[in-house]
Amino acid sequence: MVNLEQAHTLLVSMPDAVEEAHFDKPAYKIKGKIFATFNIENKWVTLKLTPEQQNILCEDPAFYPVPNKWGQMGWTHVNLNQVKKTHFAEAVDLAYQNIISQKKKAKSKS
């Protein structure tokens, strides 16, 4: 289990991460791109994963796809009441790295 403070601390500790409002939830961004949002009231974090990463992580019942088109693109909820700290940290790092690699690809094309 990951408590709210632990989740927040991990999300803001990612290098160059910025916390900004996204509708009514905190979002965590790298150079303007969201890698996570935080639903404090329902105690879940939503991560930007690839569909392949989502398939693997959803073998753990703490992870489940967002139930709409966003979920089909890899956006995945993480139930903080169920997830192990190490598994959560690994998933946050994956989401973060996904944004970093997108930024590197976009930069190399320009």
N, C-alpha and C. Protein backbone atom coordinates (compact mmCIF):
# COMPACT_ATOMS: atom_id res chain seq x y z
N MET A 1 0.83 -1.18 0.00
CA MET A 1 0.00 0.00 0.00
C MET A 1 0.88 1.25 0.00
N VAL A 2 0.42 2.26 -0.74
CA VAL A 2 1.13 3.53 -0.82
C VAL A 2 0.18 4.60 -0.29
N ASN A 3 0.64 5.38 0.69
CA ASN A 3 -0.24 6.43 1.20
C ASN A 3 -0.14 7.67 0.31
N LEU A 4 -1.03 8.62 0.53
CA LEU A 4 -1.11 9.81 -0.32
C LEU A 4 0.20 10.61 -0.30
N GLU A 5 0.78 10.76 0.86
CA GLU A 5 2.03 11.51 0.97
C GLU A 5 3.16 10.83 0.21
N GLN A 6 3.26 9.51 0.34
CA GLN A 6 4.31 8.77 -0.38
C GLN A 6 4.13 8.91 -1.89
N ALA A 7 2.89 8.81 -2.35
CA ALA A 7 2.63 8.94 -3.78
C ALA A 7 3.03 10.33 -4.27
N HIS A 8 2.61 11.35 -3.55
CA HIS A 8 2.95 12.73 -3.94
C HIS A 8 4.46 12.94 -3.94
N THR A 9 5.13 12.47 -2.91
CA THR A 9 6.58 12.64 -2.81
C THR A 9 7.29 11.99 -4.00
N LEU A 10 6.88 10.81 -4.37
CA LEU A 10 7.50 10.12 -5.51
C LEU A 10 7.24 10.88 -6.81
N LEU A 11 6.01 11.30 -7.03
CA LEU A 11 5.66 11.99 -8.27
C LEU A 11 6.44 13.30 -8.45
N VAL A 12 6.56 14.08 -7.39
CA VAL A 12 7.28 15.36 -7.51
C VAL A 12 8.79 15.18 -7.49
N SER A 13 9.26 14.00 -7.10
CA SER A 13 10.71 13.77 -7.05
C SER A 13 11.31 13.39 -8.39
N MET A 14 10.49 13.14 -9.39
CA MET A 14 11.02 12.79 -10.70
C MET A 14 11.75 14.02 -11.26
N PRO A 15 12.91 13.83 -11.87
CA PRO A 15 13.69 14.97 -12.34
C PRO A 15 12.89 15.90 -13.26
N ASP A 16 12.93 17.17 -12.95
CA ASP A 16 12.26 18.23 -13.73
C ASP A 16 10.74 18.14 -13.73
N ALA A 17 10.16 17.31 -12.88
CA ALA A 17 8.70 17.19 -12.83
C ALA A 17 8.09 18.45 -12.22
N VAL A 18 6.96 18.85 -12.79
CA VAL A 18 6.23 20.02 -12.33
C VAL A 18 4.81 19.58 -12.01
N GLU A 19 4.30 20.03 -10.88
CA GLU A 19 2.91 19.74 -10.50
C GLU A 19 2.05 20.93 -10.91
N GLU A 20 1.00 20.66 -11.69
CA GLU A 20 0.07 21.69 -12.13
C GLU A 20 -1.34 21.13 -12.07
N ALA A 21 -2.30 22.02 -11.99
CA ALA A 21 -3.71 21.59 -12.00
C ALA A 21 -4.08 21.11 -13.40
N HIS A 22 -4.83 20.03 -13.42
CA HIS A 22 -5.38 19.48 -14.67
C HIS A 22 -6.85 19.22 -14.38
N PHE A 23 -7.70 20.12 -14.82
CA PHE A 23 -9.10 20.13 -14.42
C PHE A 23 -9.12 20.25 -12.89
N ASP A 24 -9.65 19.29 -12.17
CA ASP A 24 -9.71 19.42 -10.72
C ASP A 24 -8.71 18.51 -9.99
N LYS A 25 -7.69 18.03 -10.71
CA LYS A 25 -6.73 17.09 -10.14
C LYS A 25 -5.30 17.60 -10.35
N PRO A 26 -4.38 17.24 -9.47
CA PRO A 26 -2.98 17.55 -9.72
C PRO A 26 -2.45 16.67 -10.88
N ALA A 27 -1.68 17.28 -11.75
CA ALA A 27 -1.03 16.56 -12.83
C ALA A 27 0.47 16.77 -12.70
N TYR A 28 1.22 15.79 -13.14
CA TYR A 28 2.68 15.84 -13.05
C TYR A 28 3.21 15.79 -14.47
N LYS A 29 4.00 16.82 -14.81
CA LYS A 29 4.42 17.02 -16.18
C LYS A 29 5.93 17.14 -16.30
N ILE A 30 6.39 16.80 -17.48
CA ILE A 30 7.76 17.04 -17.88
C ILE A 30 7.67 17.90 -19.14
N LYS A 31 8.17 19.11 -19.05
CA LYS A 31 8.15 20.06 -20.17
C LYS A 31 6.79 20.11 -20.86
N GLY A 32 5.74 20.21 -20.06
CA GLY A 32 4.39 20.38 -20.58
C GLY A 32 3.63 19.11 -20.90
N LYS A 33 4.24 17.96 -20.81
CA LYS A 33 3.58 16.68 -21.11
C LYS A 33 3.28 15.93 -19.81
N ILE A 34 2.05 15.48 -19.66
CA ILE A 34 1.62 14.78 -18.45
C ILE A 34 2.11 13.33 -18.46
N PHE A 35 2.71 12.92 -17.34
CA PHE A 35 3.04 11.50 -17.17
C PHE A 35 2.18 10.87 -16.08
N ALA A 36 1.51 11.69 -15.25
CA ALA A 36 0.65 11.16 -14.20
C ALA A 36 -0.35 12.21 -13.75
N THR A 37 -1.50 11.74 -13.31
CA THR A 37 -2.46 12.58 -12.60
C THR A 37 -2.78 11.89 -11.29
N PHE A 38 -3.27 12.67 -10.33
CA PHE A 38 -3.45 12.16 -8.97
C PHE A 38 -4.88 12.43 -8.54
N ASN A 39 -5.65 11.38 -8.33
CA ASN A 39 -7.01 11.51 -7.81
C ASN A 39 -6.93 11.25 -6.30
N ILE A 40 -6.74 12.31 -5.55
CA ILE A 40 -6.53 12.20 -4.10
C ILE A 40 -7.77 11.64 -3.41
N GLU A 41 -8.94 12.11 -3.81
CA GLU A 41 -10.19 11.69 -3.18
C GLU A 41 -10.41 10.17 -3.29
N ASN A 42 -10.12 9.61 -4.46
CA ASN A 42 -10.34 8.17 -4.67
C ASN A 42 -9.08 7.33 -4.46
N LYS A 43 -7.98 7.98 -4.11
CA LYS A 43 -6.71 7.31 -3.81
C LYS A 43 -6.21 6.46 -4.98
N TRP A 44 -6.15 7.13 -6.17
CA TRP A 44 -5.50 6.47 -7.29
C TRP A 44 -4.68 7.48 -8.06
N VAL A 45 -3.67 6.94 -8.75
CA VAL A 45 -2.84 7.71 -9.65
C VAL A 45 -3.07 7.12 -11.03
N THR A 46 -3.15 7.99 -12.03
CA THR A 46 -3.29 7.54 -13.41
C THR A 46 -1.98 7.82 -14.12
N LEU A 47 -1.44 6.79 -14.78
CA LEU A 47 -0.12 6.88 -15.42
C LEU A 47 -0.23 6.73 -16.93
N LYS A 48 0.65 7.42 -17.65
CA LYS A 48 0.72 7.30 -19.10
C LYS A 48 1.69 6.18 -19.44
N LEU A 49 1.13 5.04 -19.72
CA LEU A 49 1.91 3.87 -20.11
C LEU A 49 1.67 3.58 -21.59
N THR A 50 2.49 2.72 -22.14
CA THR A 50 2.19 2.22 -23.49
C THR A 50 1.16 1.10 -23.32
N PRO A 51 0.41 0.78 -24.36
CA PRO A 51 -0.52 -0.35 -24.24
C PRO A 51 0.18 -1.66 -23.84
N GLU A 52 1.39 -1.86 -24.32
CA GLU A 52 2.15 -3.07 -23.96
C GLU A 52 2.50 -3.07 -22.47
N GLN A 53 2.95 -1.95 -21.96
CA GLN A 53 3.26 -1.84 -20.53
C GLN A 53 2.00 -2.04 -19.71
N GLN A 54 0.91 -1.47 -20.18
CA GLN A 54 -0.37 -1.61 -19.48
C GLN A 54 -0.77 -3.08 -19.37
N ASN A 55 -0.65 -3.82 -20.46
CA ASN A 55 -1.00 -5.25 -20.45
C ASN A 55 -0.21 -6.01 -19.39
N ILE A 56 1.05 -5.71 -19.29
CA ILE A 56 1.90 -6.40 -18.32
C ILE A 56 1.54 -5.99 -16.89
N LEU A 57 1.45 -4.68 -16.64
CA LEU A 57 1.19 -4.21 -15.28
C LEU A 57 -0.21 -4.59 -14.79
N CYS A 58 -1.17 -4.70 -15.70
CA CYS A 58 -2.53 -5.02 -15.28
C CYS A 58 -2.69 -6.47 -14.84
N GLU A 59 -1.61 -7.23 -14.89
CA GLU A 59 -1.64 -8.57 -14.28
C GLU A 59 -1.73 -8.43 -12.77
N ASP A 60 -1.30 -7.29 -12.25
CA ASP A 60 -1.44 -6.95 -10.83
C ASP A 60 -2.80 -6.26 -10.68
N PRO A 61 -3.69 -6.73 -9.80
CA PRO A 61 -5.02 -6.14 -9.67
C PRO A 61 -5.03 -4.69 -9.19
N ALA A 62 -3.90 -4.16 -8.72
CA ALA A 62 -3.84 -2.76 -8.33
C ALA A 62 -3.83 -1.83 -9.56
N PHE A 63 -3.55 -2.39 -10.73
CA PHE A 63 -3.49 -1.64 -11.98
C PHE A 63 -4.68 -2.02 -12.85
N TYR A 64 -5.32 -1.01 -13.46
CA TYR A 64 -6.42 -1.30 -14.38
C TYR A 64 -6.55 -0.16 -15.39
N PRO A 65 -6.89 -0.49 -16.64
CA PRO A 65 -6.99 0.53 -17.67
C PRO A 65 -8.09 1.55 -17.37
N VAL A 66 -7.86 2.79 -17.74
CA VAL A 66 -8.91 3.80 -17.69
C VAL A 66 -10.02 3.29 -18.60
N PRO A 67 -11.26 3.30 -18.14
CA PRO A 67 -12.34 2.65 -18.91
C PRO A 67 -12.93 3.52 -20.03
N ASN A 68 -12.09 3.96 -20.96
CA ASN A 68 -12.56 4.71 -22.12
C ASN A 68 -11.45 4.73 -23.17
N LYS A 69 -11.54 5.62 -24.14
CA LYS A 69 -10.52 5.65 -25.20
C LYS A 69 -9.13 5.94 -24.65
N TRP A 70 -9.05 6.67 -23.53
CA TRP A 70 -7.74 6.95 -22.94
C TRP A 70 -7.09 5.66 -22.45
N GLY A 71 -7.87 4.75 -21.91
CA GLY A 71 -7.34 3.47 -21.48
C GLY A 71 -6.81 2.66 -22.65
N GLN A 72 -7.45 2.76 -23.79
CA GLN A 72 -6.98 2.05 -24.99
C GLN A 72 -5.62 2.58 -25.46
N MET A 73 -5.31 3.82 -25.08
CA MET A 73 -4.01 4.40 -25.43
C MET A 73 -2.94 4.14 -24.37
N GLY A 74 -3.31 3.42 -23.31
CA GLY A 74 -2.32 3.04 -22.28
C GLY A 74 -2.50 3.72 -20.94
N TRP A 75 -3.38 4.72 -20.85
CA TRP A 75 -3.58 5.39 -19.56
C TRP A 75 -4.15 4.38 -18.56
N THR A 76 -3.51 4.30 -17.41
CA THR A 76 -3.77 3.22 -16.45
C THR A 76 -3.91 3.78 -15.04
N HIS A 77 -5.00 3.38 -14.37
CA HIS A 77 -5.19 3.74 -12.96
C HIS A 77 -4.39 2.80 -12.08
N VAL A 78 -3.90 3.34 -10.97
CA VAL A 78 -3.21 2.54 -9.95
C VAL A 78 -3.90 2.79 -8.62
N ASN A 79 -4.46 1.75 -8.04
CA ASN A 79 -5.13 1.83 -6.75
C ASN A 79 -4.07 1.86 -5.65
N LEU A 80 -3.93 3.00 -5.00
CA LEU A 80 -2.89 3.16 -3.98
C LEU A 80 -3.13 2.28 -2.75
N ASN A 81 -4.35 1.88 -2.52
CA ASN A 81 -4.66 1.00 -1.39
C ASN A 81 -4.22 -0.43 -1.63
N GLN A 82 -3.92 -0.77 -2.87
CA GLN A 82 -3.54 -2.15 -3.20
C GLN A 82 -2.11 -2.32 -3.67
N VAL A 83 -1.53 -1.29 -4.25
CA VAL A 83 -0.24 -1.44 -4.91
C VAL A 83 0.92 -1.49 -3.90
N LYS A 84 1.90 -2.32 -4.21
CA LYS A 84 3.13 -2.37 -3.42
C LYS A 84 3.99 -1.16 -3.79
N LYS A 85 4.70 -0.63 -2.81
CA LYS A 85 5.51 0.57 -3.03
C LYS A 85 6.50 0.40 -4.17
N THR A 86 7.18 -0.73 -4.21
CA THR A 86 8.19 -0.95 -5.25
C THR A 86 7.54 -1.02 -6.63
N HIS A 87 6.41 -1.67 -6.72
CA HIS A 87 5.71 -1.79 -8.00
C HIS A 87 5.20 -0.42 -8.46
N PHE A 88 4.71 0.38 -7.53
CA PHE A 88 4.25 1.72 -7.86
C PHE A 88 5.43 2.57 -8.36
N ALA A 89 6.54 2.53 -7.66
CA ALA A 89 7.71 3.31 -8.06
C ALA A 89 8.19 2.91 -9.46
N GLU A 90 8.20 1.63 -9.76
CA GLU A 90 8.60 1.16 -11.09
C GLU A 90 7.64 1.66 -12.16
N ALA A 91 6.35 1.64 -11.87
CA ALA A 91 5.35 2.10 -12.84
C ALA A 91 5.45 3.60 -13.08
N VAL A 92 5.67 4.37 -12.02
CA VAL A 92 5.84 5.82 -12.17
C VAL A 92 7.07 6.10 -13.04
N ASP A 93 8.14 5.37 -12.80
CA ASP A 93 9.35 5.56 -13.60
C ASP A 93 9.09 5.22 -15.08
N LEU A 94 8.33 4.17 -15.35
CA LEU A 94 7.98 3.84 -16.73
C LEU A 94 7.23 4.99 -17.39
N ALA A 95 6.23 5.51 -16.71
CA ALA A 95 5.43 6.61 -17.26
C ALA A 95 6.32 7.83 -17.52
N TYR A 96 7.16 8.14 -16.57
CA TYR A 96 8.09 9.25 -16.70
C TYR A 96 9.02 9.05 -17.90
N GLN A 97 9.60 7.86 -18.00
CA GLN A 97 10.52 7.55 -19.10
C GLN A 97 9.81 7.59 -20.46
N ASN A 98 8.53 7.23 -20.47
CA ASN A 98 7.77 7.30 -21.73
C ASN A 98 7.74 8.73 -22.25
N ILE A 99 7.53 9.69 -21.37
CA ILE A 99 7.49 11.10 -21.77
C ILE A 99 8.88 11.58 -22.18
N ILE A 100 9.89 11.19 -21.41
CA ILE A 100 11.27 11.58 -21.73
C ILE A 100 11.65 11.07 -23.12
N SER A 101 11.32 9.81 -23.41
CA SER A 101 11.68 9.25 -24.72
C SER A 101 10.90 9.91 -25.85
N GLN A 102 9.64 10.31 -25.61
CA GLN A 102 8.88 11.05 -26.62
C GLN A 102 9.55 12.38 -26.92
N LYS A 103 10.00 13.04 -25.87
CA LYS A 103 10.66 14.34 -26.03
C LYS A 103 11.96 14.19 -26.82
N LYS A 104 12.72 13.13 -26.54
CA LYS A 104 13.99 12.90 -27.26
C LYS A 104 13.72 12.62 -28.73
N LYS A 105 12.70 11.80 -29.03
CA LYS A 105 12.35 11.49 -30.42
C LYS A 105 11.93 12.74 -31.16
N ALA A 106 11.09 13.56 -30.53
CA ALA A 106 10.61 14.79 -31.16
C ALA A 106 11.78 15.75 -31.42
N LYS A 107 12.71 15.81 -30.49
CA LYS A 107 13.86 16.71 -30.64
C LYS A 107 14.77 16.25 -31.77
N SER A 108 14.97 14.93 -31.90
CA SER A 108 15.86 14.42 -32.94
C SER A 108 15.27 14.58 -34.33
N LYS A 109 13.94 14.69 -34.44
CA LYS A 109 13.29 14.88 -35.74
C LYS A 109 13.36 16.33 -36.21
N SER A 110 13.58 17.24 -35.28
CA SER A 110 13.60 18.67 -35.68
C SER A 110 14.97 19.16 -36.05
